[in-house]
Amino acid sequence: MKWLIINGDDFGASHGINRGIIQAHRDGILTSASLLVDRPASGAAAALARQHPGLSLGLHLELDAGDLDEGGVAAQCERQMARFQELTGERPTHVDSHHAVHHDARVLPHVLALARQAGAPVRGHSVARHVGSFYGQWGGATHLEQIGVEGLLRLVDAEVREGVTELSCHPGYVEPGFRSSYLMERELELRTLCDPRVRHAIRDRGIQLIGFRDLTAHATGATVTAEAK
């Protein structure tokens, strides 16, 4: 059986991204989201998630270079986990990180320990094989063909295998003043995720959409295993 998690990163980064992620969940194929807890729109994102209980909600850890000194990583991870629970009233269904910083050798042991305590899988270290190539910028250039309907379905055909696959995405609406190198791409991702052709094609391929909440319910103890190949 092939199971597919569609996870929206950067939930809480802005109100426009919040709206986009919820729309992609409500009207499209998005099943999970990862919450940034220290942004002005983080509280609004948590409130939207409560209105959509079918959305699995994880912690999107955000660390900068100043957090990587001795003791800083563990303290930041614990603080952000506590903030997540304060905002949502729940433990995260999964843990990952902004700009994939948890793959840094100075960070990973602390993230794995934090997630183990929460009973949550970590991106790249669970039974869910992570695919991060649904992205509209490569080599310093924009490639919108990567994130259109045909590009997404090519990716699904190439990467979704037996077992569980997580495909990360970054849908959202662009708002004035929002600073990011990834802007119009977010709106195209949103349109693609909500395109009825995508849902029909996934169904026709015998792929079942699930959220991280389903993974944790059926894969106890998988939070620190090596990434499935």
C-alpha atoms as a PDB file:
ATOM      1  CA  MET A   1       0.000   0.000   0.000  1.00  0.00           C
ATOM      2  CA  LYS A   2       1.170   3.537  -0.752  1.00  0.00           C
ATOM      3  CA  TRP A   3       0.371   6.265   1.775  1.00  0.00           C
ATOM      4  CA  LEU A   4       1.133   9.928   1.128  1.00  0.00           C
ATOM      5  CA  ILE A   5       1.409  12.789   3.621  1.00  0.00           C
ATOM      6  CA  ILE A   6       1.288  16.285   2.090  1.00  0.00           C
ATOM      7  CA  ASN A   7       2.824  18.631   4.667  1.00  0.00           C
ATOM      8  CA  GLY A   8       2.724  22.432   4.477  1.00  0.00           C
ATOM      9  CA  ASP A   9       5.787  24.075   6.020  1.00  0.00           C
ATOM     10  CA  ASP A  10       5.951  27.623   7.457  1.00  0.00           C
ATOM     11  CA  PHE A  11       2.462  27.658   9.031  1.00  0.00           C
ATOM     12  CA  GLY A  12       2.418  30.816  11.142  1.00  0.00           C
ATOM     13  CA  ALA A  13       4.949  32.713   9.013  1.00  0.00           C
ATOM     14  CA  SER A  14       2.268  35.172   7.885  1.00  0.00           C
ATOM     15  CA  HIS A  15      -1.490  35.481   7.718  1.00  0.00           C
ATOM     16  CA  GLY A  16      -1.331  34.902   3.968  1.00  0.00           C
ATOM     17  CA  ILE A  17       0.548  31.640   4.425  1.00  0.00           C
ATOM     18  CA  ASN A  18      -1.932  30.629   7.109  1.00  0.00           C
ATOM     19  CA  ARG A  19      -4.825  31.199   4.716  1.00  0.00           C
ATOM     20  CA  GLY A  20      -3.095  29.289   1.970  1.00  0.00           C
ATOM     21  CA  ILE A  21      -2.318  26.266   4.105  1.00  0.00           C
ATOM     22  CA  ILE A  22      -5.871  26.056   5.396  1.00  0.00           C
ATOM     23  CA  GLN A  23      -7.248  26.396   1.872  1.00  0.00           C
ATOM     24  CA  ALA A  24      -4.905  23.672   0.618  1.00  0.00           C
ATOM     25  CA  HIS A  25      -6.186  21.438   3.414  1.00  0.00           C
ATOM     26  CA  ARG A  26      -9.863  22.294   3.032  1.00  0.00           C
ATOM     27  CA  ASP A  27     -10.035  22.385  -0.776  1.00  0.00           C
ATOM     28  CA  GLY A  28      -6.975  20.386  -1.789  1.00  0.00           C
ATOM     29  CA  ILE A  29      -4.732  17.496  -0.800  1.00  0.00           C
ATOM     30  CA  LEU A  30      -2.752  18.961   2.107  1.00  0.00           C
ATOM     31  CA  THR A  31      -3.068  16.762   5.202  1.00  0.00           C
ATOM     32  CA  SER A  32      -0.521  18.177   7.667  1.00  0.00           C
ATOM     33  CA  ALA A  33       1.243  21.420   8.533  1.00  0.00           C
ATOM     34  CA  SER A  34       4.306  22.447  10.528  1.00  0.00           C
ATOM     35  CA  LEU A  35       3.952  25.435  12.845  1.00  0.00           C
ATOM     36  CA  LEU A  36       6.497  28.182  13.452  1.00  0.00           C
ATOM     37  CA  VAL A  37       5.849  29.254  17.030  1.00  0.00           C
ATOM     38  CA  ASP A  38       7.643  32.614  17.280  1.00  0.00           C
ATOM     39  CA  ARG A  39       6.087  34.616  14.453  1.00  0.00           C
ATOM     40  CA  PRO A  40       3.377  37.302  14.802  1.00  0.00           C
ATOM     41  CA  ALA A  41       0.912  35.048  12.958  1.00  0.00           C
ATOM     42  CA  SER A  42       1.698  31.906  14.984  1.00  0.00           C
ATOM     43  CA  GLY A  43      -1.220  32.338  17.352  1.00  0.00           C
ATOM     44  CA  ALA A  44      -3.627  32.856  14.465  1.00  0.00           C
ATOM     45  CA  ALA A  45      -2.291  29.697  12.803  1.00  0.00           C
ATOM     46  CA  ALA A  46      -2.898  27.669  15.966  1.00  0.00           C
ATOM     47  CA  ALA A  47      -6.443  29.029  16.163  1.00  0.00           C
ATOM     48  CA  LEU A  48      -7.106  28.042  12.539  1.00  0.00           C
ATOM     49  CA  ALA A  49      -5.763  24.563  13.226  1.00  0.00           C
ATOM     50  CA  ARG A  50      -8.245  24.146  16.080  1.00  0.00           C
ATOM     51  CA  GLN A  51     -11.032  24.903  13.608  1.00  0.00           C
ATOM     52  CA  HIS A  52      -9.752  22.137  11.318  1.00  0.00           C
ATOM     53  CA  PRO A  53      -9.166  19.102  13.550  1.00  0.00           C
ATOM     54  CA  GLY A  54      -8.433  16.879  10.553  1.00  0.00           C
ATOM     55  CA  LEU A  55      -5.184  18.783   9.990  1.00  0.00           C
ATOM     56  CA  SER A  56      -2.193  17.119  11.638  1.00  0.00           C
ATOM     57  CA  LEU A  57      -0.074  19.825  13.268  1.00  0.00           C
ATOM     58  CA  GLY A  58       3.643  19.556  13.904  1.00  0.00           C
ATOM     59  CA  LEU A  59       6.445  21.757  15.228  1.00  0.00           C
ATOM     60  CA  HIS A  60       8.603  23.612  12.677  1.00  0.00           C
ATOM     61  CA  LEU A  61      11.686  24.384  14.756  1.00  0.00           C
ATOM     62  CA  GLU A  62      13.434  27.645  13.921  1.00  0.00           C
ATOM     63  CA  LEU A  63      17.077  28.038  14.915  1.00  0.00           C
ATOM     64  CA  ASP A  64      19.755  30.518  13.888  1.00  0.00           C
ATOM     65  CA  ALA A  65      23.539  30.469  14.180  1.00  0.00           C
ATOM     66  CA  GLY A  66      23.396  31.971  17.661  1.00  0.00           C
ATOM     67  CA  ASP A  67      21.406  28.978  18.888  1.00  0.00           C
ATOM     68  CA  LEU A  68      24.080  26.471  17.905  1.00  0.00           C
ATOM     69  CA  ASP A  69      26.511  27.115  20.761  1.00  0.00           C
ATOM     70  CA  GLU A  70      26.848  24.666  23.622  1.00  0.00           C
ATOM     71  CA  GLY A  71      23.528  24.311  25.381  1.00  0.00           C
ATOM     72  CA  GLY A  72      21.719  26.722  23.081  1.00  0.00           C
ATOM     73  CA  VAL A  73      20.157  24.108  20.842  1.00  0.00           C
ATOM     74  CA  ALA A  74      18.617  22.069  23.638  1.00  0.00           C
ATOM     75  CA  ALA A  75      17.255  25.168  25.353  1.00  0.00           C
ATOM     76  CA  GLN A  76      15.732  26.538  22.148  1.00  0.00           C
ATOM     77  CA  CYS A  77      14.179  23.202  21.222  1.00  0.00           C
ATOM     78  CA  GLU A  78      12.620  22.815  24.654  1.00  0.00           C
ATOM     79  CA  ARG A  79      11.359  26.403  24.666  1.00  0.00           C
ATOM     80  CA  GLN A  80       9.778  26.085  21.235  1.00  0.00           C
ATOM     81  CA  MET A  81       8.159  22.780  22.178  1.00  0.00           C
ATOM     82  CA  ALA A  82       6.686  24.424  25.272  1.00  0.00           C
ATOM     83  CA  ARG A  83       5.482  27.343  23.151  1.00  0.00           C
ATOM     84  CA  PHE A  84       3.844  24.923  20.695  1.00  0.00           C
ATOM     85  CA  GLN A  85       1.927  23.278  23.516  1.00  0.00           C
ATOM     86  CA  GLU A  86       0.969  26.677  24.934  1.00  0.00           C
ATOM     87  CA  LEU A  87      -0.425  27.772  21.559  1.00  0.00           C
ATOM     88  CA  THR A  88      -2.189  24.544  20.643  1.00  0.00           C
ATOM     89  CA  GLY A  89      -2.893  22.745  23.918  1.00  0.00           C
ATOM     90  CA  GLU A  90      -1.502  19.577  22.325  1.00  0.00           C
ATOM     91  CA  ARG A  91       1.709  17.776  21.528  1.00  0.00           C
ATOM     92  CA  PRO A  92       2.906  17.973  17.916  1.00  0.00           C
ATOM     93  CA  THR A  93       2.085  15.138  15.565  1.00  0.00           C
ATOM     94  CA  HIS A  94       5.581  15.492  14.042  1.00  0.00           C
ATOM     95  CA  VAL A  95       8.744  17.590  14.238  1.00  0.00           C
ATOM     96  CA  ASP A  96      10.818  19.173  11.472  1.00  0.00           C
ATOM     97  CA  SER A  97      12.693  22.452  11.033  1.00  0.00           C
ATOM     98  CA  HIS A  98      12.926  25.667   9.050  1.00  0.00           C
ATOM     99  CA  HIS A  99      15.572  25.347   6.330  1.00  0.00           C
ATOM    100  CA  ALA A 100      16.134  21.723   7.447  1.00  0.00           C
ATOM    101  CA  VAL A 101      18.493  22.840  10.213  1.00  0.00           C
ATOM    102  CA  HIS A 102      17.716  19.716  12.253  1.00  0.00           C
ATOM    103  CA  HIS A 103      19.983  17.749   9.896  1.00  0.00           C
ATOM    104  CA  ASP A 104      22.974  19.645  11.337  1.00  0.00           C
ATOM    105  CA  ALA A 105      24.994  17.240  13.497  1.00  0.00           C
ATOM    106  CA  ARG A 106      24.987  19.802  16.328  1.00  0.00           C
ATOM    107  CA  VAL A 107      21.193  19.929  16.269  1.00  0.00           C
ATOM    108  CA  LEU A 108      19.922  16.459  15.399  1.00  0.00           C
ATOM    109  CA  PRO A 109      20.561  14.668  18.744  1.00  0.00           C
ATOM    110  CA  HIS A 110      18.617  17.349  20.609  1.00  0.00           C
ATOM    111  CA  VAL A 111      15.720  17.243  18.152  1.00  0.00           C
ATOM    112  CA  LEU A 112      15.526  13.453  18.307  1.00  0.00           C
ATOM    113  CA  ALA A 113      15.521  13.535  22.113  1.00  0.00           C
ATOM    114  CA  LEU A 114      12.841  16.229  22.164  1.00  0.00           C
ATOM    115  CA  ALA A 115      10.657  14.343  19.704  1.00  0.00           C
ATOM    116  CA  ARG A 116      11.098  11.073  21.563  1.00  0.00           C
ATOM    117  CA  GLN A 117       9.703  12.682  24.709  1.00  0.00           C
ATOM    118  CA  ALA A 118       6.727  13.997  22.705  1.00  0.00           C
ATOM    119  CA  GLY A 119       6.175  10.689  20.917  1.00  0.00           C
ATOM    120  CA  ALA A 120       6.480  12.445  17.551  1.00  0.00           C
ATOM    121  CA  PRO A 121       8.335  11.395  14.383  1.00  0.00           C
ATOM    122  CA  VAL A 122      11.155  13.566  13.041  1.00  0.00           C
ATOM    123  CA  ARG A 123      11.409  14.372   9.340  1.00  0.00           C
ATOM    124  CA  GLY A 124      13.951  12.068   7.731  1.00  0.00           C
ATOM    125  CA  HIS A 125      14.141   9.811  10.802  1.00  0.00           C
ATOM    126  CA  SER A 126      10.870   7.928  10.765  1.00  0.00           C
ATOM    127  CA  VAL A 127       9.005   5.402   8.659  1.00  0.00           C
ATOM    128  CA  ALA A 128       7.859   8.280   6.442  1.00  0.00           C
ATOM    129  CA  ARG A 129      10.309   8.791   3.595  1.00  0.00           C
ATOM    130  CA  HIS A 130      10.707  12.530   3.007  1.00  0.00           C
ATOM    131  CA  VAL A 131      10.556  14.056  -0.481  1.00  0.00           C
ATOM    132  CA  GLY A 132      11.457  17.748  -0.580  1.00  0.00           C
ATOM    133  CA  SER A 133      11.741  18.346  -4.316  1.00  0.00           C
ATOM    134  CA  PHE A 134       8.277  19.873  -4.806  1.00  0.00           C
ATOM    135  CA  TYR A 135       9.876  23.300  -4.842  1.00  0.00           C
ATOM    136  CA  GLY A 136       9.952  26.077  -7.417  1.00  0.00           C
ATOM    137  CA  GLN A 137      13.550  27.286  -7.074  1.00  0.00           C
ATOM    138  CA  TRP A 138      16.693  25.366  -7.959  1.00  0.00           C
ATOM    139  CA  GLY A 139      20.214  26.558  -8.652  1.00  0.00           C
ATOM    140  CA  GLY A 140      19.338  30.150  -7.943  1.00  0.00           C
ATOM    141  CA  ALA A 141      16.607  30.223 -10.596  1.00  0.00           C
ATOM    142  CA  THR A 142      12.822  29.934 -10.568  1.00  0.00           C
ATOM    143  CA  HIS A 143      11.344  26.775 -12.110  1.00  0.00           C
ATOM    144  CA  LEU A 144       7.580  27.076 -12.021  1.00  0.00           C
ATOM    145  CA  GLU A 145       7.216  23.908 -14.079  1.00  0.00           C
ATOM    146  CA  GLN A 146       8.366  21.987 -11.013  1.00  0.00           C
ATOM    147  CA  ILE A 147       5.295  23.014  -9.023  1.00  0.00           C
ATOM    148  CA  GLY A 148       2.523  22.907 -11.595  1.00  0.00           C
ATOM    149  CA  VAL A 149       0.072  20.036 -11.867  1.00  0.00           C
ATOM    150  CA  GLU A 150       2.154  18.064 -14.350  1.00  0.00           C
ATOM    151  CA  GLY A 151       5.317  18.611 -12.317  1.00  0.00           C
ATOM    152  CA  LEU A 152       3.657  17.383  -9.133  1.00  0.00           C
ATOM    153  CA  LEU A 153       2.264  14.275 -10.811  1.00  0.00           C
ATOM    154  CA  ARG A 154       5.656  13.456 -12.333  1.00  0.00           C
ATOM    155  CA  LEU A 155       7.107  13.723  -8.860  1.00  0.00           C
ATOM    156  CA  VAL A 156       4.417  11.484  -7.393  1.00  0.00           C
ATOM    157  CA  ASP A 157       5.078   8.862 -10.060  1.00  0.00           C
ATOM    158  CA  ALA A 158       8.830   9.002  -9.468  1.00  0.00           C
ATOM    159  CA  GLU A 159       8.945   9.187  -5.691  1.00  0.00           C
ATOM    160  CA  VAL A 160       5.867   7.667  -4.034  1.00  0.00           C
ATOM    161  CA  ARG A 161       6.671   4.048  -3.207  1.00  0.00           C
ATOM    162  CA  GLU A 162       5.232   1.296  -1.086  1.00  0.00           C
ATOM    163  CA  GLY A 163       4.900   2.484   2.511  1.00  0.00           C
ATOM    164  CA  VAL A 164       4.658   6.079   3.730  1.00  0.00           C
ATOM    165  CA  THR A 165       5.991   9.108   1.855  1.00  0.00           C
ATOM    166  CA  GLU A 166       5.966  12.690   3.125  1.00  0.00           C
ATOM    167  CA  LEU A 167       5.961  15.387   0.462  1.00  0.00           C
ATOM    168  CA  SER A 168       6.675  18.831   1.873  1.00  0.00           C
ATOM    169  CA  CYS A 169       5.287  21.983   0.276  1.00  0.00           C
ATOM    170  CA  HIS A 170       5.043  25.743   0.861  1.00  0.00           C
ATOM    171  CA  PRO A 171       1.616  27.038  -0.200  1.00  0.00           C
ATOM    172  CA  GLY A 172       0.373  30.472   0.724  1.00  0.00           C
ATOM    173  CA  TYR A 173      -0.797  33.899  -0.328  1.00  0.00           C
ATOM    174  CA  VAL A 174       1.778  36.665  -0.674  1.00  0.00           C
ATOM    175  CA  GLU A 175       1.087  39.763   1.399  1.00  0.00           C
ATOM    176  CA  PRO A 176       2.683  43.220   1.118  1.00  0.00           C
ATOM    177  CA  GLY A 177       5.736  43.440   3.324  1.00  0.00           C
ATOM    178  CA  PHE A 178       6.269  39.687   3.656  1.00  0.00           C
ATOM    179  CA  ARG A 179       9.988  39.105   3.201  1.00  0.00           C
ATOM    180  CA  SER A 180      10.988  35.889   1.486  1.00  0.00           C
ATOM    181  CA  SER A 181      12.830  34.760  -1.629  1.00  0.00           C
ATOM    182  CA  TYR A 182       9.926  32.371  -2.268  1.00  0.00           C
ATOM    183  CA  LEU A 183       6.838  34.400  -3.140  1.00  0.00           C
ATOM    184  CA  MET A 184       4.868  33.811  -6.350  1.00  0.00           C
ATOM    185  CA  GLU A 185       5.873  30.172  -6.097  1.00  0.00           C
ATOM    186  CA  ARG A 186       3.749  29.823  -2.962  1.00  0.00           C
ATOM    187  CA  GLU A 187       0.601  30.884  -4.780  1.00  0.00           C
ATOM    188  CA  LEU A 188       1.282  28.493  -7.665  1.00  0.00           C
ATOM    189  CA  GLU A 189       1.856  25.648  -5.184  1.00  0.00           C
ATOM    190  CA  LEU A 190      -1.507  26.488  -3.629  1.00  0.00           C
ATOM    191  CA  ARG A 191      -3.313  26.370  -6.975  1.00  0.00           C
ATOM    192  CA  THR A 192      -1.663  23.053  -7.805  1.00  0.00           C
ATOM    193  CA  LEU A 193      -2.540  21.436  -4.476  1.00  0.00           C
ATOM    194  CA  CYS A 194      -6.183  22.511  -4.893  1.00  0.00           C
ATOM    195  CA  ASP A 195      -6.495  21.432  -8.533  1.00  0.00           C
ATOM    196  CA  PRO A 196      -9.100  18.615  -8.743  1.00  0.00           C
ATOM    197  CA  ARG A 197      -6.941  16.811 -11.313  1.00  0.00           C
ATOM    198  CA  VAL A 198      -4.310  16.172  -8.661  1.00  0.00           C
ATOM    199  CA  ARG A 199      -6.681  14.544  -6.191  1.00  0.00           C
ATOM    200  CA  HIS A 200      -8.217  12.408  -8.932  1.00  0.00           C
ATOM    201  CA  ALA A 201      -4.786  11.335 -10.201  1.00  0.00           C
ATOM    202  CA  ILE A 202      -3.610  10.355  -6.736  1.00  0.00           C
ATOM    203  CA  ARG A 203      -6.770   8.344  -6.191  1.00  0.00           C
ATOM    204  CA  ASP A 204      -6.433   6.655  -9.592  1.00  0.00           C
ATOM    205  CA  ARG A 205      -2.879   5.613  -8.702  1.00  0.00           C
ATOM    206  CA  GLY A 206      -4.129   3.800  -5.610  1.00  0.00           C
ATOM    207  CA  ILE A 207      -2.383   6.218  -3.225  1.00  0.00           C
ATOM    208  CA  GLN A 208      -4.071   6.990   0.098  1.00  0.00           C
ATOM    209  CA  LEU A 209      -3.675  10.450   1.619  1.00  0.00           C
ATOM    210  CA  ILE A 210      -2.984  10.432   5.364  1.00  0.00           C
ATOM    211  CA  GLY A 211      -1.734  12.881   7.986  1.00  0.00           C
ATOM    212  CA  PHE A 212       1.042  12.523  10.522  1.00  0.00           C
ATOM    213  CA  ARG A 213      -1.592  11.808  13.128  1.00  0.00           C
ATOM    214  CA  ASP A 214      -2.339   8.592  11.248  1.00  0.00           C
ATOM    215  CA  LEU A 215       1.350   7.736  11.091  1.00  0.00           C
ATOM    216  CA  THR A 216       1.884   8.057  14.827  1.00  0.00           C
ATOM    217  CA  ALA A 217      -1.200   5.965  15.478  1.00  0.00           C
ATOM    218  CA  HIS A 218       0.098   3.098  13.365  1.00  0.00           C
ATOM    219  CA  ALA A 219       3.865   3.360  13.715  1.00  0.00           C
ATOM    220  CA  THR A 220       4.611   3.513  17.448  1.00  0.00           C
ATOM    221  CA  GLY A 221       8.316   3.544  18.147  1.00  0.00           C
ATOM    222  CA  ALA A 222       9.294   4.797  14.688  1.00  0.00           C
ATOM    223  CA  THR A 223      10.390   8.250  15.777  1.00  0.00           C
ATOM    224  CA  VAL A 224      14.121   7.640  15.699  1.00  0.00           C
ATOM    225  CA  THR A 225      14.581   5.012  13.015  1.00  0.00           C
ATOM    226  CA  ALA A 226      16.760   5.706  10.003  1.00  0.00           C
ATOM    227  CA  GLU A 227      15.022   7.104   6.979  1.00  0.00           C
ATOM    228  CA  ALA A 228      13.384   4.373   4.922  1.00  0.00           C
ATOM    229  CA  LYS A 229      15.124   3.928   1.597  1.00  0.00           C
END
